[in-house]
Amino acid sequence: MKKGIDGEKFLDAFKKEWEKLLQNDEENIRSSYPFNDKWTDYFVTRENSFLEKVMLNLREEISDLKYWRELYNIDASFIGGKELIWGNDNLLYPSFIYALIEHENAGVPEEEVWKLAYRRSPLKVTIFYDYHEHEKASGRTREEWVPDKLASFNSIINEINGFCGNEPEVEYLFIIGNKESEHSNPRWRYINEFPLEESKVKDLS
C-alpha cells in the first residue's frame, strides 16, 4: 500500500496552517467566520483556501499531492498518482485519493458523513461546527449538539459497514469548530476513535 496521509499528519498540518493564519490573517478570519458563504469560500473554495494551504504543507512529504474542489460532489480532495482514464495530467480520475474532506457549516453534517462512508479513501475527514460556548446556556439542545451528532455518525457508518463490509485501513477524522465567546477566534477539537463519544473529543492544541 502506498504511503499516504493519516489523521495525525492531517491534524499536524491543519494546526500549523491555522496558527499561521491567526498570526497573519486574523482580520479576515474574524470577518469571514460569521457568514456561511464567506467562511466556506475562505476555508474551502477560493484559490489558496485554508484547506489548500493544508495540502501544500503535506506536499512537503508527498510530492505528487494536489488539491481538488468538488471532485464528484466532495468538497475537497487531496489526490495524486496518475490519470487512469485520459492519460493526461488533469487527474480527473486519479489513481490515488489520499483524503476526502467534507466541510459543513450550515446544514446537516450527517449527509456529509454518509457521502464519505460510501466513497473510498484511506482518510475521510468531516469538518463541522458546534454552537459557541456562550450560546449553549440557552438550552439543552445546544449542549447536546455534538453528542447527538456523534451518535448519528456512529449509526450511519455502522449501518453502511454492515451492508458493504468494513473497509480495510480506513480512518475517519472529525474536526469540530466553535468559539468560546462571541469575540474570540474560532477554536478546533477533533475525534478519530470509534465508537464516537464526546468524552473522546480532544482539543487541537
C-alpha atoms as a PDB file:
ATOM      1  CA  MET A   1       0.000   0.000   0.000  1.00  0.00           C
ATOM      2  CA  LYS A   2       1.324   3.444  -0.930  1.00  0.00           C
ATOM      3  CA  LYS A   3       2.368   5.662   1.952  1.00  0.00           C
ATOM      4  CA  GLY A   4      -0.361   8.250   2.458  1.00  0.00           C
ATOM      5  CA  ILE A   5      -1.857  10.705   4.905  1.00  0.00           C
ATOM      6  CA  ASP A   6      -3.172   9.568   8.254  1.00  0.00           C
ATOM      7  CA  GLY A   7      -5.220  11.561  10.722  1.00  0.00           C
ATOM      8  CA  GLU A   8      -2.197  12.567  12.781  1.00  0.00           C
ATOM      9  CA  LYS A   9      -0.414  14.062   9.766  1.00  0.00           C
ATOM     10  CA  PHE A  10      -3.555  15.857   8.653  1.00  0.00           C
ATOM     11  CA  LEU A  11      -4.112  17.329  12.125  1.00  0.00           C
ATOM     12  CA  ASP A  12      -0.493  18.428  12.377  1.00  0.00           C
ATOM     13  CA  ALA A  13      -0.680  20.257   9.027  1.00  0.00           C
ATOM     14  CA  PHE A  14      -4.101  21.705   9.937  1.00  0.00           C
ATOM     15  CA  LYS A  15      -2.777  23.051  13.250  1.00  0.00           C
ATOM     16  CA  LYS A  16       0.358  24.552  11.696  1.00  0.00           C
ATOM     17  CA  GLU A  17      -1.548  26.337   8.943  1.00  0.00           C
ATOM     18  CA  TRP A  18      -4.198  27.592  11.359  1.00  0.00           C
ATOM     19  CA  GLU A  19      -1.552  29.057  13.636  1.00  0.00           C
ATOM     20  CA  LYS A  20      -0.030  30.856  10.635  1.00  0.00           C
ATOM     21  CA  LEU A  21      -3.412  32.308   9.705  1.00  0.00           C
ATOM     22  CA  LEU A  22      -4.018  33.547  13.241  1.00  0.00           C
ATOM     23  CA  GLN A  23      -0.701  35.367  13.080  1.00  0.00           C
ATOM     24  CA  ASN A  24      -1.025  36.730   9.542  1.00  0.00           C
ATOM     25  CA  ASP A  25      -4.705  36.906   8.605  1.00  0.00           C
ATOM     26  CA  GLU A  26      -6.727  37.245  11.798  1.00  0.00           C
ATOM     27  CA  GLU A  27      -8.803  40.129  10.442  1.00  0.00           C
ATOM     28  CA  ASN A  28     -10.081  38.038   7.516  1.00  0.00           C
ATOM     29  CA  ILE A  29     -10.807  35.099   9.817  1.00  0.00           C
ATOM     30  CA  ARG A  30     -12.932  37.299  12.065  1.00  0.00           C
ATOM     31  CA  SER A  31     -14.757  38.980   9.184  1.00  0.00           C
ATOM     32  CA  SER A  32     -15.465  35.709   7.313  1.00  0.00           C
ATOM     33  CA  TYR A  33     -16.333  33.279  10.094  1.00  0.00           C
ATOM     34  CA  PRO A  34     -19.821  34.655  10.986  1.00  0.00           C
ATOM     35  CA  PHE A  35     -21.058  34.263   7.396  1.00  0.00           C
ATOM     36  CA  ASN A  36     -21.534  30.750   5.996  1.00  0.00           C
ATOM     37  CA  ASP A  37     -20.792  31.561   2.358  1.00  0.00           C
ATOM     38  CA  LYS A  38     -17.798  33.762   3.106  1.00  0.00           C
ATOM     39  CA  TRP A  39     -16.357  31.213   5.522  1.00  0.00           C
ATOM     40  CA  THR A  40     -16.795  28.323   3.082  1.00  0.00           C
ATOM     41  CA  ASP A  41     -15.060  30.383   0.405  1.00  0.00           C
ATOM     42  CA  TYR A  42     -12.207  31.257   2.764  1.00  0.00           C
ATOM     43  CA  PHE A  43     -11.891  27.741   4.113  1.00  0.00           C
ATOM     44  CA  VAL A  44     -12.525  25.541   1.055  1.00  0.00           C
ATOM     45  CA  THR A  45     -13.328  27.024  -2.337  1.00  0.00           C
ATOM     46  CA  ARG A  46     -11.220  30.050  -3.181  1.00  0.00           C
ATOM     47  CA  GLU A  47      -7.740  29.915  -4.633  1.00  0.00           C
ATOM     48  CA  ASN A  48      -5.237  29.453  -1.818  1.00  0.00           C
ATOM     49  CA  SER A  49      -8.002  28.487   0.606  1.00  0.00           C
ATOM     50  CA  PHE A  50      -7.202  27.230   4.079  1.00  0.00           C
ATOM     51  CA  LEU A  51      -7.562  23.571   3.072  1.00  0.00           C
ATOM     52  CA  GLU A  52      -5.338  24.143   0.065  1.00  0.00           C
ATOM     53  CA  LYS A  53      -2.708  25.523   2.436  1.00  0.00           C
ATOM     54  CA  VAL A  54      -3.049  22.337   4.498  1.00  0.00           C
ATOM     55  CA  MET A  55      -2.473  20.312   1.328  1.00  0.00           C
ATOM     56  CA  LEU A  56       0.625  22.363   0.454  1.00  0.00           C
ATOM     57  CA  ASN A  57       2.011  21.718   3.918  1.00  0.00           C
ATOM     58  CA  LEU A  58       1.557  17.979   3.401  1.00  0.00           C
ATOM     59  CA  ARG A  59       3.099  18.174  -0.075  1.00  0.00           C
ATOM     60  CA  GLU A  60       6.463  18.700   1.584  1.00  0.00           C
ATOM     61  CA  GLU A  61       6.343  14.961   2.304  1.00  0.00           C
ATOM     62  CA  ILE A  62       4.106  13.717  -0.540  1.00  0.00           C
ATOM     63  CA  SER A  63       5.360  15.421  -3.685  1.00  0.00           C
ATOM     64  CA  ASP A  64       2.540  14.407  -6.057  1.00  0.00           C
ATOM     65  CA  LEU A  65      -0.217  15.824  -3.842  1.00  0.00           C
ATOM     66  CA  LYS A  66      -2.816  18.063  -5.495  1.00  0.00           C
ATOM     67  CA  TYR A  67      -5.963  19.835  -4.310  1.00  0.00           C
ATOM     68  CA  TRP A  68      -9.348  19.413  -5.999  1.00  0.00           C
ATOM     69  CA  ARG A  69     -12.558  21.203  -5.096  1.00  0.00           C
ATOM     70  CA  GLU A  70     -15.880  19.486  -5.787  1.00  0.00           C
ATOM     71  CA  LEU A  71     -14.375  16.329  -7.264  1.00  0.00           C
ATOM     72  CA  TYR A  72     -17.520  14.261  -7.829  1.00  0.00           C
ATOM     73  CA  ASN A  73     -19.507  16.254  -5.247  1.00  0.00           C
ATOM     74  CA  ILE A  74     -16.907  16.028  -2.488  1.00  0.00           C
ATOM     75  CA  ASP A  75     -15.989  19.448  -1.079  1.00  0.00           C
ATOM     76  CA  ALA A  76     -12.229  18.900  -1.122  1.00  0.00           C
ATOM     77  CA  SER A  77      -9.936  16.056  -2.142  1.00  0.00           C
ATOM     78  CA  PHE A  78      -6.207  15.552  -1.724  1.00  0.00           C
ATOM     79  CA  ILE A  79      -5.240  13.498  -4.775  1.00  0.00           C
ATOM     80  CA  GLY A  80      -2.160  12.268  -6.593  1.00  0.00           C
ATOM     81  CA  GLY A  81      -0.691   9.462  -8.644  1.00  0.00           C
ATOM     82  CA  LYS A  82      -1.633   9.338 -12.308  1.00  0.00           C
ATOM     83  CA  GLU A  83      -4.665   9.866 -14.513  1.00  0.00           C
ATOM     84  CA  LEU A  84      -6.232   6.447 -15.032  1.00  0.00           C
ATOM     85  CA  ILE A  85      -8.525   7.158 -17.992  1.00  0.00           C
ATOM     86  CA  TRP A  86      -7.458  10.118 -20.114  1.00  0.00           C
ATOM     87  CA  GLY A  87      -3.687   9.753 -19.860  1.00  0.00           C
ATOM     88  CA  ASN A  88      -3.004  13.426 -19.123  1.00  0.00           C
ATOM     89  CA  ASP A  89      -2.096  15.471 -16.067  1.00  0.00           C
ATOM     90  CA  ASN A  90      -5.564  16.706 -15.171  1.00  0.00           C
ATOM     91  CA  LEU A  91      -6.215  13.933 -12.638  1.00  0.00           C
ATOM     92  CA  LEU A  92      -9.947  13.831 -13.170  1.00  0.00           C
ATOM     93  CA  TYR A  93      -9.707  10.101 -12.458  1.00  0.00           C
ATOM     94  CA  PRO A  94      -6.668   9.873 -10.150  1.00  0.00           C
ATOM     95  CA  SER A  95      -5.053   6.652  -9.074  1.00  0.00           C
ATOM     96  CA  PHE A  96      -4.572   7.991  -5.520  1.00  0.00           C
ATOM     97  CA  ILE A  97      -7.163   9.757  -3.396  1.00  0.00           C
ATOM     98  CA  TYR A  98      -5.206  10.443  -0.253  1.00  0.00           C
ATOM     99  CA  ALA A  99      -8.021  12.175   1.623  1.00  0.00           C
ATOM    100  CA  LEU A 100     -11.663  13.109   1.095  1.00  0.00           C
ATOM    101  CA  ILE A 101     -12.901  16.119   3.036  1.00  0.00           C
ATOM    102  CA  GLU A 102     -16.412  17.383   3.663  1.00  0.00           C
ATOM    103  CA  HIS A 103     -16.980  20.787   5.254  1.00  0.00           C
ATOM    104  CA  GLU A 104     -20.440  21.508   6.654  1.00  0.00           C
ATOM    105  CA  ASN A 105     -21.168  24.813   8.351  1.00  0.00           C
ATOM    106  CA  ALA A 106     -24.817  25.413   7.554  1.00  0.00           C
ATOM    107  CA  GLY A 107     -26.760  22.184   7.254  1.00  0.00           C
ATOM    108  CA  VAL A 108     -26.803  18.569   8.325  1.00  0.00           C
ATOM    109  CA  PRO A 109     -23.333  17.026   8.837  1.00  0.00           C
ATOM    110  CA  GLU A 110     -24.849  13.526   8.763  1.00  0.00           C
ATOM    111  CA  GLU A 111     -25.319  13.980   5.000  1.00  0.00           C
ATOM    112  CA  GLU A 112     -21.586  14.582   4.585  1.00  0.00           C
ATOM    113  CA  VAL A 113     -20.678  11.543   6.681  1.00  0.00           C
ATOM    114  CA  TRP A 114     -22.996   9.394   4.549  1.00  0.00           C
ATOM    115  CA  LYS A 115     -21.303  10.624   1.356  1.00  0.00           C
ATOM    116  CA  LEU A 116     -17.863   9.827   2.708  1.00  0.00           C
ATOM    117  CA  ALA A 117     -18.884   6.422   4.014  1.00  0.00           C
ATOM    118  CA  TYR A 118     -19.887   5.344   0.507  1.00  0.00           C
ATOM    119  CA  ARG A 119     -16.657   6.565  -1.103  1.00  0.00           C
ATOM    120  CA  ARG A 120     -13.208   5.072  -0.945  1.00  0.00           C
ATOM    121  CA  SER A 121     -10.104   6.696   0.551  1.00  0.00           C
ATOM    122  CA  PRO A 122      -7.748   5.807   3.395  1.00  0.00           C
ATOM    123  CA  LEU A 123      -8.619   9.082   5.174  1.00  0.00           C
ATOM    124  CA  LYS A 124     -12.104  10.609   5.376  1.00  0.00           C
ATOM    125  CA  VAL A 125     -12.410  13.969   7.106  1.00  0.00           C
ATOM    126  CA  THR A 126     -15.616  15.692   8.199  1.00  0.00           C
ATOM    127  CA  ILE A 127     -15.341  19.284   9.441  1.00  0.00           C
ATOM    128  CA  PHE A 128     -18.437  20.635  11.163  1.00  0.00           C
ATOM    129  CA  TYR A 129     -19.378  23.182  13.788  1.00  0.00           C
ATOM    130  CA  ASP A 130     -20.742  23.221  17.308  1.00  0.00           C
ATOM    131  CA  TYR A 131     -22.706  26.015  18.952  1.00  0.00           C
ATOM    132  CA  HIS A 132     -20.448  28.579  20.552  1.00  0.00           C
ATOM    133  CA  GLU A 133     -19.866  28.064  24.255  1.00  0.00           C
ATOM    134  CA  HIS A 134     -21.652  31.272  25.229  1.00  0.00           C
ATOM    135  CA  GLU A 135     -24.735  30.102  23.297  1.00  0.00           C
ATOM    136  CA  LYS A 136     -25.102  26.742  24.997  1.00  0.00           C
ATOM    137  CA  ALA A 137     -26.639  28.118  28.181  1.00  0.00           C
ATOM    138  CA  SER A 138     -29.808  28.892  26.232  1.00  0.00           C
ATOM    139  CA  GLY A 139     -30.905  25.272  26.032  1.00  0.00           C
ATOM    140  CA  ARG A 140     -30.109  21.589  26.368  1.00  0.00           C
ATOM    141  CA  THR A 141     -30.463  21.042  22.610  1.00  0.00           C
ATOM    142  CA  ARG A 142     -27.395  23.187  22.032  1.00  0.00           C
ATOM    143  CA  GLU A 143     -25.462  21.498  24.818  1.00  0.00           C
ATOM    144  CA  GLU A 144     -26.217  18.082  23.324  1.00  0.00           C
ATOM    145  CA  TRP A 145     -25.480  19.049  19.702  1.00  0.00           C
ATOM    146  CA  VAL A 146     -22.099  17.316  19.462  1.00  0.00           C
ATOM    147  CA  PRO A 147     -23.028  14.149  21.412  1.00  0.00           C
ATOM    148  CA  ASP A 148     -26.148  13.763  19.261  1.00  0.00           C
ATOM    149  CA  LYS A 149     -24.174  14.225  16.047  1.00  0.00           C
ATOM    150  CA  LEU A 150     -21.509  11.733  17.095  1.00  0.00           C
ATOM    151  CA  ALA A 151     -24.203   9.170  17.887  1.00  0.00           C
ATOM    152  CA  SER A 152     -25.708   9.730  14.446  1.00  0.00           C
ATOM    153  CA  PHE A 153     -22.306   9.328  12.775  1.00  0.00           C
ATOM    154  CA  ASN A 154     -21.763   6.041  14.617  1.00  0.00           C
ATOM    155  CA  SER A 155     -25.116   4.753  13.418  1.00  0.00           C
ATOM    156  CA  ILE A 156     -24.608   5.796   9.792  1.00  0.00           C
ATOM    157  CA  ILE A 157     -21.146   4.279   9.477  1.00  0.00           C
ATOM    158  CA  ASN A 158     -22.130   1.067  11.280  1.00  0.00           C
ATOM    159  CA  GLU A 159     -25.185   0.589   9.059  1.00  0.00           C
ATOM    160  CA  ILE A 160     -23.187   1.125   5.873  1.00  0.00           C
ATOM    161  CA  ASN A 161     -20.367  -1.133   7.034  1.00  0.00           C
ATOM    162  CA  GLY A 162     -22.944  -3.768   7.915  1.00  0.00           C
ATOM    163  CA  PHE A 163     -24.187  -3.655   4.341  1.00  0.00           C
ATOM    164  CA  CYS A 164     -20.898  -3.201   2.469  1.00  0.00           C
ATOM    165  CA  GLY A 165     -18.409  -4.704   4.899  1.00  0.00           C
ATOM    166  CA  ASN A 166     -15.709  -2.830   6.800  1.00  0.00           C
ATOM    167  CA  GLU A 167     -13.138  -1.010   4.712  1.00  0.00           C
ATOM    168  CA  PRO A 168      -9.580  -2.140   5.424  1.00  0.00           C
ATOM    169  CA  GLU A 169      -7.124   0.518   6.635  1.00  0.00           C
ATOM    170  CA  VAL A 170      -9.534   3.452   6.551  1.00  0.00           C
ATOM    171  CA  GLU A 171      -9.539   6.258   9.111  1.00  0.00           C
ATOM    172  CA  TYR A 172     -12.328   8.690   9.885  1.00  0.00           C
ATOM    173  CA  LEU A 173     -11.400  12.063  11.323  1.00  0.00           C
ATOM    174  CA  PHE A 174     -13.949  14.556  12.654  1.00  0.00           C
ATOM    175  CA  ILE A 175     -12.883  18.160  13.279  1.00  0.00           C
ATOM    176  CA  ILE A 176     -15.236  20.403  15.246  1.00  0.00           C
ATOM    177  CA  GLY A 177     -15.089  24.199  15.204  1.00  0.00           C
ATOM    178  CA  ASN A 178     -16.698  26.704  17.538  1.00  0.00           C
ATOM    179  CA  LYS A 179     -15.952  29.767  19.671  1.00  0.00           C
ATOM    180  CA  GLU A 180     -15.586  30.130  23.413  1.00  0.00           C
ATOM    181  CA  SER A 181     -17.075  33.629  23.323  1.00  0.00           C
ATOM    182  CA  GLU A 182     -18.668  35.948  20.812  1.00  0.00           C
ATOM    183  CA  HIS A 183     -15.451  37.887  20.279  1.00  0.00           C
ATOM    184  CA  SER A 184     -12.894  35.063  20.386  1.00  0.00           C
ATOM    185  CA  ASN A 185     -11.241  33.406  17.413  1.00  0.00           C
ATOM    186  CA  PRO A 186     -12.568  30.027  16.254  1.00  0.00           C
ATOM    187  CA  ARG A 187     -11.064  27.027  18.016  1.00  0.00           C
ATOM    188  CA  TRP A 188     -10.846  23.387  16.934  1.00  0.00           C
ATOM    189  CA  ARG A 189     -11.373  19.990  18.529  1.00  0.00           C
ATOM    190  CA  TYR A 190     -11.229  16.544  16.972  1.00  0.00           C
ATOM    191  CA  ILE A 191     -12.105  12.888  17.396  1.00  0.00           C
ATOM    192  CA  ASN A 192     -10.916   9.870  15.395  1.00  0.00           C
ATOM    193  CA  GLU A 193     -11.619   6.961  17.716  1.00  0.00           C
ATOM    194  CA  PHE A 194     -14.667   4.699  17.487  1.00  0.00           C
ATOM    195  CA  PRO A 195     -17.191   4.444  18.936  1.00  0.00           C
ATOM    196  CA  LEU A 196     -17.502   8.203  18.693  1.00  0.00           C
ATOM    197  CA  GLU A 197     -18.259   9.700  22.114  1.00  0.00           C
ATOM    198  CA  GLU A 198     -17.951  13.235  23.458  1.00  0.00           C
ATOM    199  CA  SER A 199     -15.552  12.071  26.161  1.00  0.00           C
ATOM    200  CA  LYS A 200     -13.037  11.200  23.416  1.00  0.00           C
ATOM    201  CA  VAL A 201     -13.109  14.637  21.799  1.00  0.00           C
ATOM    202  CA  LYS A 202      -9.710  16.359  22.164  1.00  0.00           C
ATOM    203  CA  ASP A 203      -8.528  19.925  21.777  1.00  0.00           C
ATOM    204  CA  LEU A 204      -6.372  20.568  18.739  1.00  0.00           C
ATOM    205  CA  SER A 205      -3.659  22.419  20.607  1.00  0.00           C
END
